[in-house]
N, C-alpha and C. Protein backbone atom coordinates (compact mmCIF):
# COMPACT_ATOMS: atom_id res chain seq x y z
N MET A 1 22.84 -13.04 6.45
CA MET A 1 22.59 -11.64 6.81
C MET A 1 21.79 -11.54 8.11
N THR A 2 20.80 -12.41 8.27
CA THR A 2 19.99 -12.38 9.48
C THR A 2 20.85 -12.65 10.72
N ARG A 3 21.71 -13.65 10.65
CA ARG A 3 22.59 -13.96 11.78
C ARG A 3 23.52 -12.79 12.08
N HIS A 4 24.04 -12.17 11.03
CA HIS A 4 24.94 -11.02 11.21
C HIS A 4 24.22 -9.86 11.90
N LEU A 5 22.99 -9.59 11.49
CA LEU A 5 22.26 -8.44 12.02
C LEU A 5 21.87 -8.61 13.48
N LEU A 6 21.76 -9.85 13.95
CA LEU A 6 21.43 -10.07 15.35
C LEU A 6 22.46 -9.41 16.26
N LYS A 7 23.72 -9.40 15.84
CA LYS A 7 24.78 -8.76 16.62
C LYS A 7 25.06 -7.33 16.14
N CYS A 8 24.99 -7.13 14.83
CA CYS A 8 25.38 -5.85 14.26
C CYS A 8 24.44 -4.72 14.67
N ALA A 9 23.14 -4.97 14.66
CA ALA A 9 22.17 -3.92 14.97
C ALA A 9 22.37 -3.40 16.39
N GLU A 10 22.64 -4.30 17.30
CA GLU A 10 22.86 -3.88 18.69
C GLU A 10 24.19 -3.17 18.86
N ALA A 11 25.20 -3.57 18.08
CA ALA A 11 26.53 -2.96 18.18
C ALA A 11 26.58 -1.57 17.54
N HIS A 12 25.61 -1.25 16.70
CA HIS A 12 25.59 0.04 16.01
C HIS A 12 24.23 0.71 16.22
N PRO A 13 23.97 1.16 17.43
CA PRO A 13 22.67 1.79 17.70
C PRO A 13 22.52 3.10 16.95
N ALA A 14 21.30 3.41 16.59
CA ALA A 14 21.03 4.67 15.91
C ALA A 14 21.03 5.83 16.89
N ARG A 15 20.88 5.52 18.17
CA ARG A 15 20.83 6.54 19.20
C ARG A 15 21.44 5.97 20.46
N THR A 16 22.22 6.76 21.18
CA THR A 16 22.92 6.25 22.37
C THR A 16 22.32 6.74 23.67
N SER A 17 21.38 7.67 23.60
CA SER A 17 20.75 8.19 24.82
C SER A 17 19.25 7.97 24.75
N GLY A 18 18.59 8.14 25.90
CA GLY A 18 17.16 7.95 25.95
C GLY A 18 16.80 6.57 26.46
N LYS A 19 15.52 6.37 26.72
CA LYS A 19 15.03 5.12 27.28
C LYS A 19 14.95 4.04 26.20
N PRO A 20 15.49 2.84 26.47
CA PRO A 20 15.36 1.75 25.50
C PRO A 20 13.88 1.36 25.32
N VAL A 21 13.54 0.96 24.11
CA VAL A 21 12.18 0.52 23.79
C VAL A 21 12.26 -0.81 23.06
N ARG A 22 11.13 -1.48 22.93
CA ARG A 22 11.10 -2.75 22.23
C ARG A 22 11.17 -2.52 20.72
N LEU A 23 12.13 -3.18 20.08
CA LEU A 23 12.34 -3.05 18.65
C LEU A 23 12.09 -4.40 17.98
N LEU A 24 11.40 -4.39 16.88
CA LEU A 24 11.10 -5.61 16.12
C LEU A 24 11.96 -5.66 14.86
N HIS A 25 12.55 -6.80 14.62
CA HIS A 25 13.34 -7.03 13.40
C HIS A 25 12.44 -7.73 12.38
N ILE A 26 12.19 -7.06 11.26
CA ILE A 26 11.26 -7.57 10.26
C ILE A 26 11.97 -7.77 8.93
N ARG A 27 11.79 -8.94 8.34
CA ARG A 27 12.27 -9.22 6.98
C ARG A 27 11.10 -8.98 6.02
N VAL A 28 11.36 -8.23 4.97
CA VAL A 28 10.36 -7.94 3.93
C VAL A 28 10.85 -8.53 2.62
N GLU A 29 10.00 -9.29 1.94
CA GLU A 29 10.38 -9.91 0.67
C GLU A 29 9.28 -9.73 -0.36
N ASP A 30 9.68 -9.81 -1.61
CA ASP A 30 8.73 -9.82 -2.71
C ASP A 30 7.76 -10.99 -2.49
N GLY A 31 6.48 -10.74 -2.66
CA GLY A 31 5.49 -11.78 -2.43
C GLY A 31 5.48 -12.85 -3.48
N TYR A 32 6.10 -12.57 -4.62
CA TYR A 32 6.11 -13.54 -5.72
C TYR A 32 7.49 -14.15 -5.81
N GLN A 33 7.60 -15.38 -5.34
CA GLN A 33 8.89 -16.05 -5.26
C GLN A 33 9.10 -16.96 -6.47
N PRO A 34 10.35 -17.26 -6.87
CA PRO A 34 11.58 -16.71 -6.28
C PRO A 34 11.83 -15.28 -6.74
N SER A 35 12.49 -14.51 -5.89
CA SER A 35 12.76 -13.12 -6.19
C SER A 35 14.03 -12.69 -5.48
N PRO A 36 14.81 -11.80 -6.07
CA PRO A 36 16.05 -11.33 -5.43
C PRO A 36 15.84 -10.18 -4.45
N PHE A 37 14.60 -9.68 -4.32
CA PHE A 37 14.37 -8.45 -3.56
C PHE A 37 14.00 -8.74 -2.11
N TRP A 38 14.73 -8.11 -1.18
CA TRP A 38 14.43 -8.24 0.24
C TRP A 38 14.95 -7.04 1.01
N LEU A 39 14.36 -6.82 2.19
CA LEU A 39 14.78 -5.77 3.10
C LEU A 39 14.78 -6.31 4.52
N ASP A 40 15.71 -5.84 5.35
CA ASP A 40 15.65 -6.07 6.79
C ASP A 40 15.46 -4.73 7.46
N VAL A 41 14.46 -4.64 8.31
CA VAL A 41 14.07 -3.37 8.93
C VAL A 41 13.93 -3.56 10.43
N GLU A 42 14.33 -2.55 11.19
CA GLU A 42 14.12 -2.54 12.63
C GLU A 42 13.08 -1.46 12.94
N VAL A 43 12.03 -1.85 13.67
CA VAL A 43 10.88 -0.97 13.87
C VAL A 43 10.51 -0.92 15.35
N LYS A 44 10.18 0.24 15.84
CA LYS A 44 9.67 0.34 17.21
C LYS A 44 8.33 -0.41 17.31
N ALA A 45 8.14 -1.15 18.38
CA ALA A 45 6.88 -1.85 18.59
C ALA A 45 5.73 -0.87 18.73
N THR A 46 6.03 0.37 19.14
CA THR A 46 4.99 1.38 19.30
C THR A 46 4.67 2.11 18.00
N ALA A 47 5.43 1.84 16.94
CA ALA A 47 5.17 2.48 15.65
C ALA A 47 3.86 1.95 15.06
N SER A 48 3.20 2.78 14.30
CA SER A 48 1.95 2.36 13.67
C SER A 48 2.22 1.57 12.40
N LEU A 49 1.24 0.79 11.99
CA LEU A 49 1.33 0.13 10.70
C LEU A 49 1.47 1.16 9.58
N ARG A 50 0.90 2.32 9.77
CA ARG A 50 0.99 3.38 8.76
C ARG A 50 2.44 3.81 8.55
N ALA A 51 3.24 3.83 9.62
CA ALA A 51 4.65 4.20 9.49
C ALA A 51 5.39 3.17 8.66
N LEU A 52 5.09 1.89 8.88
CA LEU A 52 5.72 0.84 8.09
C LEU A 52 5.25 0.90 6.64
N ASP A 53 3.97 1.17 6.43
CA ASP A 53 3.42 1.33 5.09
C ASP A 53 4.12 2.47 4.35
N LYS A 54 4.35 3.59 5.02
CA LYS A 54 5.02 4.74 4.39
C LYS A 54 6.44 4.37 4.00
N PHE A 55 7.14 3.64 4.87
CA PHE A 55 8.49 3.22 4.54
C PHE A 55 8.51 2.34 3.29
N LEU A 56 7.60 1.37 3.21
CA LEU A 56 7.56 0.48 2.05
C LEU A 56 7.24 1.25 0.78
N ARG A 57 6.36 2.23 0.89
CA ARG A 57 6.05 3.08 -0.26
C ARG A 57 7.29 3.86 -0.69
N ASP A 58 7.97 4.47 0.26
CA ASP A 58 9.11 5.33 -0.06
C ASP A 58 10.25 4.57 -0.70
N ILE A 59 10.53 3.37 -0.22
CA ILE A 59 11.74 2.68 -0.68
C ILE A 59 11.47 1.74 -1.85
N TRP A 60 10.20 1.29 -2.02
CA TRP A 60 9.96 0.24 -3.00
C TRP A 60 8.75 0.45 -3.91
N LEU A 61 7.77 1.27 -3.52
CA LEU A 61 6.47 1.14 -4.17
C LEU A 61 5.87 2.41 -4.76
N GLU A 62 6.00 3.55 -4.10
CA GLU A 62 5.17 4.71 -4.42
C GLU A 62 5.42 5.28 -5.80
N TYR A 63 4.33 5.49 -6.51
CA TYR A 63 4.39 6.17 -7.80
C TYR A 63 3.26 7.18 -7.94
N CYS A 64 2.04 6.76 -7.69
CA CYS A 64 0.92 7.67 -7.91
C CYS A 64 -0.15 7.56 -6.83
N GLY A 65 0.27 7.36 -5.60
CA GLY A 65 -0.65 7.42 -4.47
C GLY A 65 -1.74 6.37 -4.43
N GLN A 66 -1.39 5.13 -4.81
CA GLN A 66 -2.38 4.06 -4.79
C GLN A 66 -2.70 3.63 -3.35
N LEU A 67 -3.84 2.96 -3.18
CA LEU A 67 -4.23 2.44 -1.88
C LEU A 67 -3.37 1.24 -1.51
N SER A 68 -3.34 0.93 -0.22
CA SER A 68 -2.56 -0.21 0.25
C SER A 68 -3.19 -0.79 1.50
N LEU A 69 -2.76 -1.99 1.86
CA LEU A 69 -3.29 -2.65 3.06
C LEU A 69 -2.30 -3.68 3.57
N PHE A 70 -2.42 -3.97 4.86
CA PHE A 70 -1.77 -5.12 5.47
C PHE A 70 -2.83 -6.17 5.76
N GLU A 71 -2.47 -7.44 5.63
CA GLU A 71 -3.34 -8.51 6.10
C GLU A 71 -2.59 -9.30 7.16
N ILE A 72 -3.15 -9.30 8.37
CA ILE A 72 -2.51 -9.93 9.52
C ILE A 72 -3.52 -10.85 10.18
N GLU A 73 -3.24 -12.14 10.16
CA GLU A 73 -4.11 -13.15 10.77
C GLU A 73 -5.55 -12.98 10.31
N GLY A 74 -5.73 -12.78 9.01
CA GLY A 74 -7.06 -12.69 8.43
C GLY A 74 -7.72 -11.33 8.53
N ALA A 75 -7.11 -10.39 9.24
CA ALA A 75 -7.68 -9.03 9.37
C ALA A 75 -6.97 -8.09 8.41
N ARG A 76 -7.73 -7.19 7.80
CA ARG A 76 -7.18 -6.20 6.87
C ARG A 76 -7.03 -4.86 7.60
N TYR A 77 -5.88 -4.22 7.40
CA TYR A 77 -5.59 -2.92 7.99
C TYR A 77 -5.32 -1.95 6.85
N GLU A 78 -6.13 -0.90 6.74
CA GLU A 78 -6.01 0.06 5.65
C GLU A 78 -5.83 1.47 6.19
N ALA A 79 -5.15 2.31 5.40
CA ALA A 79 -4.96 3.71 5.79
C ALA A 79 -6.24 4.51 5.58
N TYR A 80 -6.94 4.20 4.49
CA TYR A 80 -8.17 4.94 4.15
C TYR A 80 -9.29 3.93 3.96
N ILE A 81 -10.21 3.90 4.88
CA ILE A 81 -11.30 2.93 4.85
C ILE A 81 -12.53 3.58 4.24
N ASP A 82 -12.92 3.10 3.09
CA ASP A 82 -14.07 3.62 2.36
C ASP A 82 -15.13 2.52 2.27
N PRO A 83 -16.27 2.67 2.95
CA PRO A 83 -17.30 1.63 2.93
C PRO A 83 -17.82 1.30 1.55
N SER A 84 -17.65 2.22 0.60
CA SER A 84 -18.13 1.96 -0.75
C SER A 84 -17.13 1.17 -1.59
N TRP A 85 -15.93 0.94 -1.04
CA TRP A 85 -14.90 0.22 -1.78
C TRP A 85 -14.08 -0.62 -0.81
N GLY A 86 -14.10 -1.90 -1.00
CA GLY A 86 -13.29 -2.77 -0.15
C GLY A 86 -14.10 -3.40 0.95
N ASP A 87 -13.40 -3.84 1.97
CA ASP A 87 -13.97 -4.63 3.04
C ASP A 87 -14.49 -3.72 4.15
N TYR A 88 -15.78 -3.87 4.48
CA TYR A 88 -16.38 -3.06 5.54
C TYR A 88 -15.72 -3.32 6.89
N ASP A 89 -15.13 -4.50 7.06
CA ASP A 89 -14.56 -4.87 8.36
C ASP A 89 -13.08 -4.50 8.48
N SER A 90 -12.57 -3.74 7.56
CA SER A 90 -11.16 -3.34 7.62
C SER A 90 -10.88 -2.53 8.87
N LYS A 91 -9.66 -2.69 9.40
CA LYS A 91 -9.22 -1.94 10.57
C LYS A 91 -8.24 -0.86 10.12
N SER A 92 -7.91 0.03 11.03
CA SER A 92 -7.08 1.17 10.68
C SER A 92 -5.60 0.86 10.81
N MET A 93 -4.79 1.45 9.92
CA MET A 93 -3.34 1.35 10.01
C MET A 93 -2.78 2.18 11.17
N ARG A 94 -3.64 2.84 11.91
CA ARG A 94 -3.17 3.52 13.12
C ARG A 94 -2.81 2.52 14.22
N SER A 95 -3.18 1.26 14.03
CA SER A 95 -2.87 0.22 15.01
C SER A 95 -1.35 0.13 15.22
N LYS A 96 -0.95 -0.08 16.47
CA LYS A 96 0.47 -0.19 16.79
C LYS A 96 0.99 -1.56 16.37
N LEU A 97 2.16 -1.56 15.79
CA LEU A 97 2.73 -2.80 15.25
C LEU A 97 2.85 -3.87 16.33
N GLY A 98 3.36 -3.49 17.51
CA GLY A 98 3.56 -4.46 18.59
C GLY A 98 2.28 -5.03 19.14
N GLY A 99 1.15 -4.41 18.82
CA GLY A 99 -0.13 -4.91 19.30
C GLY A 99 -0.76 -5.93 18.38
N VAL A 100 -0.24 -6.06 17.16
CA VAL A 100 -0.88 -6.96 16.19
C VAL A 100 0.06 -8.04 15.66
N VAL A 101 1.38 -7.92 15.93
CA VAL A 101 2.31 -8.97 15.51
C VAL A 101 3.27 -9.27 16.66
N ALA A 102 3.91 -10.43 16.60
CA ALA A 102 4.90 -10.85 17.59
C ALA A 102 6.01 -11.59 16.86
N VAL A 103 7.06 -11.97 17.58
CA VAL A 103 8.14 -12.73 16.96
C VAL A 103 7.57 -14.01 16.35
N GLY A 104 7.89 -14.23 15.09
CA GLY A 104 7.37 -15.38 14.36
C GLY A 104 6.17 -15.08 13.51
N SER A 105 5.55 -13.92 13.69
CA SER A 105 4.37 -13.56 12.90
C SER A 105 4.73 -13.37 11.44
N SER A 106 3.90 -13.89 10.55
CA SER A 106 4.02 -13.66 9.11
C SER A 106 2.77 -12.92 8.64
N PHE A 107 2.96 -11.92 7.78
CA PHE A 107 1.83 -11.16 7.28
C PHE A 107 2.16 -10.60 5.91
N THR A 108 1.20 -9.97 5.26
CA THR A 108 1.41 -9.48 3.89
C THR A 108 1.05 -8.01 3.79
N HIS A 109 1.58 -7.39 2.74
CA HIS A 109 1.28 -6.00 2.41
C HIS A 109 0.96 -5.95 0.92
N GLU A 110 -0.08 -5.22 0.56
CA GLU A 110 -0.45 -5.05 -0.85
C GLU A 110 -0.52 -3.57 -1.18
N TYR A 111 0.12 -3.21 -2.28
CA TYR A 111 0.09 -1.83 -2.78
C TYR A 111 -0.56 -1.84 -4.15
N ASP A 112 -1.56 -0.99 -4.34
CA ASP A 112 -2.26 -0.84 -5.62
C ASP A 112 -3.20 -2.02 -5.84
N TYR A 113 -4.50 -1.77 -5.72
CA TYR A 113 -5.48 -2.84 -5.84
C TYR A 113 -5.74 -3.24 -7.29
N GLY A 114 -5.14 -2.52 -8.24
CA GLY A 114 -5.28 -2.87 -9.65
C GLY A 114 -4.08 -3.67 -10.13
N SER A 115 -2.94 -2.98 -10.27
CA SER A 115 -1.67 -3.64 -10.63
C SER A 115 -0.91 -3.89 -9.32
N THR A 116 -1.31 -4.92 -8.61
CA THR A 116 -0.89 -5.11 -7.23
C THR A 116 0.54 -5.62 -7.11
N THR A 117 1.29 -5.01 -6.20
CA THR A 117 2.57 -5.55 -5.75
C THR A 117 2.36 -6.08 -4.34
N MET A 118 2.58 -7.37 -4.14
CA MET A 118 2.39 -7.98 -2.83
C MET A 118 3.73 -8.28 -2.19
N LEU A 119 3.83 -7.97 -0.91
CA LEU A 119 5.04 -8.24 -0.14
C LEU A 119 4.71 -9.19 1.01
N ARG A 120 5.68 -10.01 1.38
CA ARG A 120 5.56 -10.89 2.54
C ARG A 120 6.51 -10.40 3.62
N LEU A 121 6.01 -10.34 4.84
CA LEU A 121 6.80 -9.85 5.97
C LEU A 121 6.79 -10.88 7.09
N LYS A 122 7.91 -10.97 7.79
CA LYS A 122 7.99 -11.87 8.94
C LYS A 122 8.80 -11.21 10.04
N VAL A 123 8.31 -11.31 11.28
CA VAL A 123 9.02 -10.78 12.44
C VAL A 123 10.05 -11.81 12.86
N LEU A 124 11.33 -11.50 12.66
CA LEU A 124 12.40 -12.46 12.93
C LEU A 124 12.89 -12.43 14.36
N GLY A 125 12.71 -11.30 15.03
CA GLY A 125 13.20 -11.21 16.40
C GLY A 125 12.85 -9.87 17.02
N GLN A 126 13.27 -9.70 18.28
CA GLN A 126 13.05 -8.43 18.96
C GLN A 126 14.17 -8.20 19.96
N ARG A 127 14.36 -6.94 20.35
CA ARG A 127 15.36 -6.58 21.35
C ARG A 127 14.99 -5.25 21.96
N GLU A 128 15.66 -4.91 23.03
CA GLU A 128 15.52 -3.59 23.63
C GLU A 128 16.62 -2.69 23.07
N GLY A 129 16.23 -1.53 22.57
CA GLY A 129 17.21 -0.63 21.99
C GLY A 129 16.66 0.76 21.82
N ARG A 130 17.43 1.62 21.16
CA ARG A 130 17.06 3.02 20.99
C ARG A 130 17.03 3.38 19.51
N LEU A 131 15.98 4.05 19.11
CA LEU A 131 15.88 4.61 17.76
C LEU A 131 15.40 6.05 17.88
N ASP A 132 15.92 6.93 17.01
CA ASP A 132 15.48 8.32 17.04
C ASP A 132 14.31 8.56 16.08
N LYS A 133 13.84 7.49 15.44
CA LYS A 133 12.67 7.56 14.58
C LYS A 133 11.94 6.23 14.66
N ASP A 134 10.84 6.09 13.95
CA ASP A 134 10.03 4.88 14.09
C ASP A 134 10.74 3.63 13.61
N LEU A 135 11.57 3.76 12.58
CA LEU A 135 12.23 2.57 12.05
C LEU A 135 13.50 2.95 11.31
N ARG A 136 14.31 1.94 11.07
CA ARG A 136 15.51 2.15 10.25
C ARG A 136 15.75 0.93 9.38
N LEU A 137 16.35 1.17 8.24
CA LEU A 137 16.74 0.11 7.32
C LEU A 137 18.05 -0.49 7.81
N LEU A 138 18.05 -1.81 8.02
CA LEU A 138 19.26 -2.50 8.47
C LEU A 138 20.08 -3.02 7.31
N ALA A 139 19.43 -3.61 6.32
CA ALA A 139 20.13 -4.19 5.18
C ALA A 139 19.13 -4.42 4.06
N ARG A 140 19.66 -4.56 2.84
CA ARG A 140 18.81 -4.87 1.69
C ARG A 140 19.65 -5.59 0.64
N ASN A 141 18.97 -6.21 -0.31
CA ASN A 141 19.69 -6.86 -1.39
C ASN A 141 20.41 -5.83 -2.26
N GLU A 142 21.51 -6.24 -2.87
CA GLU A 142 22.16 -5.41 -3.87
C GLU A 142 21.33 -5.46 -5.15
N LEU A 143 21.44 -4.42 -5.96
CA LEU A 143 20.70 -4.40 -7.22
C LEU A 143 21.14 -5.58 -8.08
N PRO A 144 20.22 -6.47 -8.42
CA PRO A 144 20.59 -7.59 -9.29
C PRO A 144 21.03 -7.07 -10.66
N GLU A 145 21.88 -7.84 -11.31
CA GLU A 145 22.34 -7.46 -12.65
C GLU A 145 21.70 -8.37 -13.69
N TRP A 146 20.94 -7.75 -14.57
CA TRP A 146 20.34 -8.49 -15.67
C TRP A 146 21.10 -8.16 -16.95
N GLN A 147 21.18 -9.13 -17.83
CA GLN A 147 21.91 -8.95 -19.08
C GLN A 147 20.96 -8.49 -20.18
N CYS A 148 21.45 -7.57 -21.00
CA CYS A 148 20.68 -7.11 -22.16
C CYS A 148 20.32 -8.30 -23.03
N ASN A 149 19.08 -8.33 -23.50
CA ASN A 149 18.63 -9.43 -24.36
C ASN A 149 19.31 -9.43 -25.73
N ALA A 150 19.95 -8.31 -26.10
CA ALA A 150 20.56 -8.22 -27.42
C ALA A 150 22.08 -8.28 -27.40
N CYS A 151 22.69 -8.19 -26.20
CA CYS A 151 24.14 -8.26 -26.10
C CYS A 151 24.50 -8.73 -24.69
N ASP A 152 25.77 -8.67 -24.34
CA ASP A 152 26.19 -9.15 -23.03
C ASP A 152 26.41 -8.03 -22.02
N GLN A 153 25.93 -6.82 -22.33
CA GLN A 153 26.08 -5.69 -21.42
C GLN A 153 24.99 -5.69 -20.35
N PRO A 154 25.24 -5.08 -19.18
CA PRO A 154 24.21 -4.99 -18.15
C PRO A 154 23.00 -4.19 -18.64
N ALA A 155 21.83 -4.66 -18.31
CA ALA A 155 20.60 -3.98 -18.73
C ALA A 155 20.33 -2.77 -17.84
N THR A 156 19.85 -1.71 -18.46
CA THR A 156 19.47 -0.49 -17.73
C THR A 156 18.00 -0.14 -17.94
N GLN A 157 17.36 -0.74 -18.95
CA GLN A 157 15.98 -0.43 -19.30
C GLN A 157 15.19 -1.73 -19.48
N ILE A 158 13.89 -1.64 -19.25
CA ILE A 158 13.02 -2.78 -19.49
C ILE A 158 11.82 -2.32 -20.31
N ASP A 159 11.23 -3.26 -21.02
CA ASP A 159 10.01 -3.00 -21.78
C ASP A 159 8.93 -3.93 -21.25
N PRO A 160 8.13 -3.48 -20.29
CA PRO A 160 7.12 -4.37 -19.69
C PRO A 160 6.01 -4.75 -20.66
N VAL A 161 5.81 -3.96 -21.71
CA VAL A 161 4.76 -4.29 -22.68
C VAL A 161 5.14 -5.54 -23.47
N CYS A 162 6.34 -5.54 -24.03
CA CYS A 162 6.80 -6.68 -24.82
C CYS A 162 7.04 -7.91 -23.95
N ALA A 163 7.21 -7.72 -22.66
CA ALA A 163 7.44 -8.87 -21.78
C ALA A 163 6.25 -9.83 -21.80
N TYR A 164 5.06 -9.31 -22.09
CA TYR A 164 3.88 -10.17 -22.14
C TYR A 164 3.76 -10.93 -23.47
N GLU A 165 4.52 -10.50 -24.47
CA GLU A 165 4.37 -11.08 -25.80
C GLU A 165 5.61 -11.81 -26.29
N MET A 166 6.76 -11.49 -25.72
CA MET A 166 8.01 -12.11 -26.17
C MET A 166 8.99 -12.09 -25.00
N ASP A 167 10.14 -12.69 -25.21
CA ASP A 167 11.14 -12.74 -24.15
C ASP A 167 11.96 -11.46 -24.04
N SER A 168 11.79 -10.53 -24.98
CA SER A 168 12.58 -9.30 -24.97
C SER A 168 12.09 -8.37 -23.88
N LEU A 169 12.82 -8.31 -22.79
CA LEU A 169 12.43 -7.48 -21.65
C LEU A 169 13.54 -6.53 -21.24
N PHE A 170 14.77 -7.01 -21.09
CA PHE A 170 15.89 -6.22 -20.58
C PHE A 170 16.79 -5.74 -21.71
N PHE A 171 17.21 -4.45 -21.64
CA PHE A 171 18.06 -3.89 -22.68
C PHE A 171 19.07 -2.91 -22.08
N CYS A 172 20.25 -2.84 -22.68
CA CYS A 172 21.17 -1.74 -22.39
C CYS A 172 20.62 -0.49 -23.08
N ASP A 173 21.22 0.66 -22.81
CA ASP A 173 20.69 1.91 -23.37
C ASP A 173 20.68 1.88 -24.90
N ARG A 174 21.74 1.37 -25.51
CA ARG A 174 21.83 1.36 -26.98
C ARG A 174 20.76 0.48 -27.60
N HIS A 175 20.63 -0.73 -27.12
CA HIS A 175 19.67 -1.65 -27.71
C HIS A 175 18.23 -1.32 -27.30
N ALA A 176 18.07 -0.59 -26.21
CA ALA A 176 16.73 -0.14 -25.84
C ALA A 176 16.17 0.80 -26.89
N GLN A 177 17.01 1.71 -27.38
CA GLN A 177 16.56 2.64 -28.41
C GLN A 177 16.26 1.92 -29.72
N GLN A 178 17.08 0.95 -30.06
CA GLN A 178 16.81 0.15 -31.26
C GLN A 178 15.50 -0.62 -31.11
N HIS A 179 15.26 -1.13 -29.92
CA HIS A 179 14.06 -1.92 -29.67
C HIS A 179 12.79 -1.08 -29.83
N VAL A 180 12.78 0.13 -29.26
CA VAL A 180 11.56 0.93 -29.35
C VAL A 180 11.31 1.42 -30.78
N LYS A 181 12.37 1.59 -31.56
CA LYS A 181 12.17 1.95 -32.97
C LYS A 181 11.50 0.83 -33.72
N THR A 182 11.90 -0.39 -33.42
CA THR A 182 11.36 -1.56 -34.12
C THR A 182 9.96 -1.92 -33.65
N GLN A 183 9.77 -1.89 -32.32
CA GLN A 183 8.53 -2.41 -31.75
C GLN A 183 7.48 -1.34 -31.44
N HIS A 184 7.91 -0.09 -31.21
CA HIS A 184 6.99 0.94 -30.74
C HIS A 184 7.07 2.23 -31.55
N GLY A 185 7.63 2.18 -32.73
CA GLY A 185 7.70 3.36 -33.59
C GLY A 185 8.50 4.49 -33.00
N GLY A 186 9.47 4.17 -32.16
CA GLY A 186 10.32 5.20 -31.57
C GLY A 186 9.79 5.79 -30.28
N ASP A 187 8.68 5.30 -29.77
CA ASP A 187 8.07 5.83 -28.55
C ASP A 187 8.80 5.26 -27.34
N ASP A 188 9.76 6.03 -26.80
CA ASP A 188 10.53 5.52 -25.67
C ASP A 188 9.80 5.63 -24.34
N SER A 189 8.57 6.10 -24.34
CA SER A 189 7.78 6.10 -23.10
C SER A 189 7.42 4.67 -22.70
N MET A 190 7.60 3.73 -23.62
CA MET A 190 7.36 2.33 -23.31
C MET A 190 8.46 1.75 -22.42
N LEU A 191 9.59 2.43 -22.35
CA LEU A 191 10.71 1.94 -21.57
C LEU A 191 10.62 2.40 -20.12
N MET A 192 11.12 1.56 -19.22
CA MET A 192 11.19 1.91 -17.81
C MET A 192 12.56 1.50 -17.29
N PRO A 193 13.07 2.20 -16.27
CA PRO A 193 14.42 1.89 -15.78
C PRO A 193 14.45 0.61 -14.95
N VAL A 194 15.59 -0.05 -14.98
CA VAL A 194 15.85 -1.16 -14.06
C VAL A 194 16.09 -0.57 -12.68
N VAL A 195 15.32 -0.97 -11.70
CA VAL A 195 15.43 -0.42 -10.34
C VAL A 195 15.42 -1.56 -9.33
N ASN A 196 15.90 -1.26 -8.14
CA ASN A 196 16.03 -2.27 -7.10
C ASN A 196 14.72 -2.38 -6.30
N SER A 197 13.71 -2.93 -6.93
CA SER A 197 12.39 -3.00 -6.31
C SER A 197 11.53 -4.06 -7.00
N PRO A 198 10.69 -4.76 -6.25
CA PRO A 198 9.75 -5.69 -6.88
C PRO A 198 8.66 -4.98 -7.67
N ARG A 199 8.60 -3.66 -7.58
CA ARG A 199 7.64 -2.87 -8.35
C ARG A 199 8.20 -2.54 -9.74
N MET A 200 9.43 -2.94 -10.02
CA MET A 200 10.07 -2.64 -11.29
C MET A 200 9.20 -3.10 -12.46
N GLY A 201 9.00 -2.18 -13.40
CA GLY A 201 8.25 -2.52 -14.59
C GLY A 201 6.74 -2.44 -14.46
N VAL A 202 6.25 -2.00 -13.30
CA VAL A 202 4.81 -1.99 -13.06
C VAL A 202 4.29 -0.56 -12.97
N CYS A 203 3.33 -0.24 -13.77
CA CYS A 203 2.54 0.99 -13.62
C CYS A 203 3.38 2.26 -13.50
N GLY A 204 4.43 2.38 -14.31
CA GLY A 204 5.21 3.61 -14.33
C GLY A 204 6.20 3.79 -13.22
N TYR A 205 6.42 2.79 -12.37
CA TYR A 205 7.34 2.95 -11.24
C TYR A 205 8.77 3.13 -11.73
N ALA A 206 9.44 4.18 -11.25
CA ALA A 206 10.78 4.51 -11.76
C ALA A 206 11.85 4.57 -10.67
N GLY A 207 11.51 4.22 -9.41
CA GLY A 207 12.51 4.24 -8.37
C GLY A 207 11.98 4.82 -7.08
N PRO A 208 12.78 4.75 -6.02
CA PRO A 208 12.33 5.15 -4.68
C PRO A 208 12.19 6.65 -4.52
N ALA A 209 11.34 7.02 -3.57
CA ALA A 209 11.17 8.44 -3.24
C ALA A 209 12.39 8.93 -2.46
N ASP A 210 12.66 8.33 -1.31
CA ASP A 210 13.82 8.75 -0.53
C ASP A 210 14.14 7.69 0.50
N GLU A 211 14.89 6.67 0.10
CA GLU A 211 15.26 5.62 1.02
C GLU A 211 16.26 6.12 2.07
N ARG A 212 16.96 7.22 1.81
CA ARG A 212 17.99 7.70 2.71
C ARG A 212 17.41 8.12 4.06
N ALA A 213 16.14 8.49 4.08
CA ALA A 213 15.53 8.96 5.32
C ALA A 213 15.46 7.88 6.39
N TYR A 214 15.64 6.62 6.01
CA TYR A 214 15.50 5.53 6.96
C TYR A 214 16.81 4.82 7.28
N VAL A 215 17.91 5.33 6.77
CA VAL A 215 19.19 4.71 7.02
C VAL A 215 19.80 5.33 8.27
N GLY A 216 20.27 4.49 9.19
CA GLY A 216 20.89 5.03 10.39
C GLY A 216 20.98 3.98 11.47
């Protein structure tokens, strides 16, 4: 996919007029490997870290407005710096992406300081091009297919509570209802949907806010 995008992104510009700017090609992956979840994103070098943070929240992470940070070469960049909580030496996410990373740079992103989802990012390349917004989604993994633990049908629901106590995690709709009757007294609030995100099954996350805003 990376080799394909080196040619494809340039052949399909999001905008055909205006002054070309420096664009960074960034691969985003689940921080806990091995994992099937990944994204390829093209970002203006002049875009802020906050813009990239918002994109990651919208497509993979956001549920209830948790705090987040980037760590780049030992420095922490946060959107909201509170001296009473966290690192006094944190820097602002208003920093421009091109000023803190370069081709080959690897860095991390953390969402939710309690039930943390960590992502790993790497700048794979750069080019001169045109975008009508700060960034665009170039490619992503297809939704993996997990099999229901009780049959051979594709799973649509997960039970993150029982995942800590037994192997029963993935269920089709029919067996999900049977499972909650047996294990949770019929309380289906214990179930969460299978979604295309490393945040799946964590802290009530049920899917993206609006990934469509970044496609183009």
